[in-house]
Protein backbone atom coordinates (compact mmCIF):
# COMPACT_ATOMS: atom_id res chain seq x y z
CA MET A 1 0.66 -19.35 -29.18
CA ALA A 2 4.34 -19.21 -30.13
CA HIS A 3 5.90 -16.10 -31.67
CA ARG A 4 8.96 -16.03 -33.88
CA LEU A 5 11.98 -13.93 -32.91
CA THR A 6 13.38 -11.76 -35.72
CA VAL A 7 17.05 -11.61 -36.70
CA LYS A 8 17.31 -8.38 -34.67
CA GLY A 9 15.92 -10.09 -31.56
CA ARG A 10 12.45 -8.54 -31.81
CA VAL A 11 9.09 -10.14 -31.19
CA THR A 12 5.59 -8.69 -31.43
CA ILE A 13 3.81 -8.48 -28.09
CA PRO A 14 0.26 -9.80 -28.63
CA GLU A 15 -2.53 -7.24 -28.42
CA ASN A 16 -4.19 -8.83 -25.38
CA VAL A 17 -0.88 -8.70 -23.48
CA ARG A 18 -0.30 -5.04 -24.48
CA GLU A 19 -3.81 -4.19 -23.26
CA HIS A 20 -3.25 -6.09 -20.01
CA LEU A 21 0.02 -4.24 -19.39
CA GLY A 22 -1.47 -0.92 -20.48
CA ILE A 23 1.27 -0.29 -23.03
CA GLY A 24 1.23 1.16 -26.52
CA PRO A 25 3.62 2.73 -29.01
CA GLY A 26 6.44 4.50 -27.17
CA SER A 27 5.78 2.69 -23.87
CA GLU A 28 8.70 1.25 -21.95
CA VAL A 29 8.73 -2.27 -20.57
CA VAL A 30 10.98 -4.05 -18.09
CA PHE A 31 12.12 -7.66 -18.52
CA GLU A 32 12.83 -9.61 -15.34
CA ILE A 33 14.07 -13.18 -14.91
CA GLY A 34 12.08 -14.96 -12.22
CA PRO A 35 13.45 -17.44 -9.68
CA LEU A 36 12.40 -20.42 -11.81
CA GLY A 37 13.95 -19.01 -15.00
CA ASP A 38 10.68 -17.62 -16.31
CA VAL A 39 10.75 -14.17 -17.88
CA LEU A 40 8.37 -11.45 -16.72
CA VAL A 41 7.43 -8.45 -18.83
CA ARG A 42 6.22 -5.46 -16.86
CA ASN A 43 5.12 -1.95 -17.72
CA ALA A 44 8.02 0.32 -16.70
CA VAL A 45 5.54 2.92 -15.49
CA ALA A 46 3.18 2.08 -12.64
CA ARG A 47 -0.41 2.42 -13.76
CA VAL A 48 -3.91 1.82 -12.50
CA PRO A 49 -5.33 -1.45 -13.89
CA GLY A 50 -8.03 -0.75 -16.47
CA ALA A 51 -6.82 2.81 -17.11
CA PRO A 52 -6.62 3.67 -20.82
CA VAL A 53 -3.24 3.58 -22.55
CA ARG A 54 -2.00 7.09 -23.34
CA SER A 55 0.68 7.91 -25.85
CA PRO A 56 3.28 10.56 -24.97
CA SER A 57 1.49 13.09 -27.18
CA ASP A 58 -1.86 12.27 -25.52
CA ALA A 59 -0.32 13.18 -22.18
CA LEU A 60 0.28 16.74 -23.46
CA ARG A 61 -3.06 17.17 -25.23
CA GLY A 62 -5.36 19.74 -23.64
CA THR A 63 -3.03 20.71 -20.80
CA ARG A 64 -2.54 24.38 -21.72
CA LYS A 65 -5.10 26.58 -19.97
CA THR A 66 -5.13 30.09 -21.41
CA GLY A 67 -8.57 31.26 -20.34
CA MET A 68 -9.14 32.19 -23.99
CA SER A 69 -11.54 30.73 -26.51
CA THR A 70 -10.28 29.10 -29.67
CA ASP A 71 -11.54 32.07 -31.68
CA GLU A 72 -9.56 34.49 -29.49
CA ILE A 73 -6.39 32.43 -29.87
CA MET A 74 -6.86 32.23 -33.66
CA SER A 75 -7.34 36.01 -33.84
CA LEU A 76 -4.07 36.54 -31.99
CA LEU A 77 -2.25 34.11 -34.28
CA ARG A 78 -3.66 35.71 -37.41
CA ALA A 79 -2.68 39.18 -36.17
CA HIS A 80 0.86 37.88 -35.52
CA ASP A 81 1.01 36.44 -39.05
CA GLU A 82 -0.08 39.79 -40.51
CA ASP A 83 2.58 41.58 -38.43
CA ALA A 84 5.23 39.10 -39.56
CA ASN A 85 4.43 39.90 -43.19
CA ASP A 86 4.94 43.62 -42.53
CA PRO A 87 8.38 44.68 -43.89
CA GLY A 88 8.97 46.78 -40.74
CA PHE A 89 8.31 43.80 -38.43
CA ARG A 90 11.35 42.43 -36.58
């Protein structure tokens, strides 16, 4: 299937190709010209085939280990908010 190039030189990478490369929004790709003049598109980051695509924000999700429950963290945050509303709080 042919794809039309926009005035700005952009083209949509088909979904099946994005899945094959393991790329999604924010991913970087590398374009290489092969010996026969063909153009190769590669994922700029090495990945394990079949591994799910992760966005940059997904990579950060769930990485902070505090040893505290969500309720304990919320209590601390609420106490900080109450302190911040105190006129003597700096």
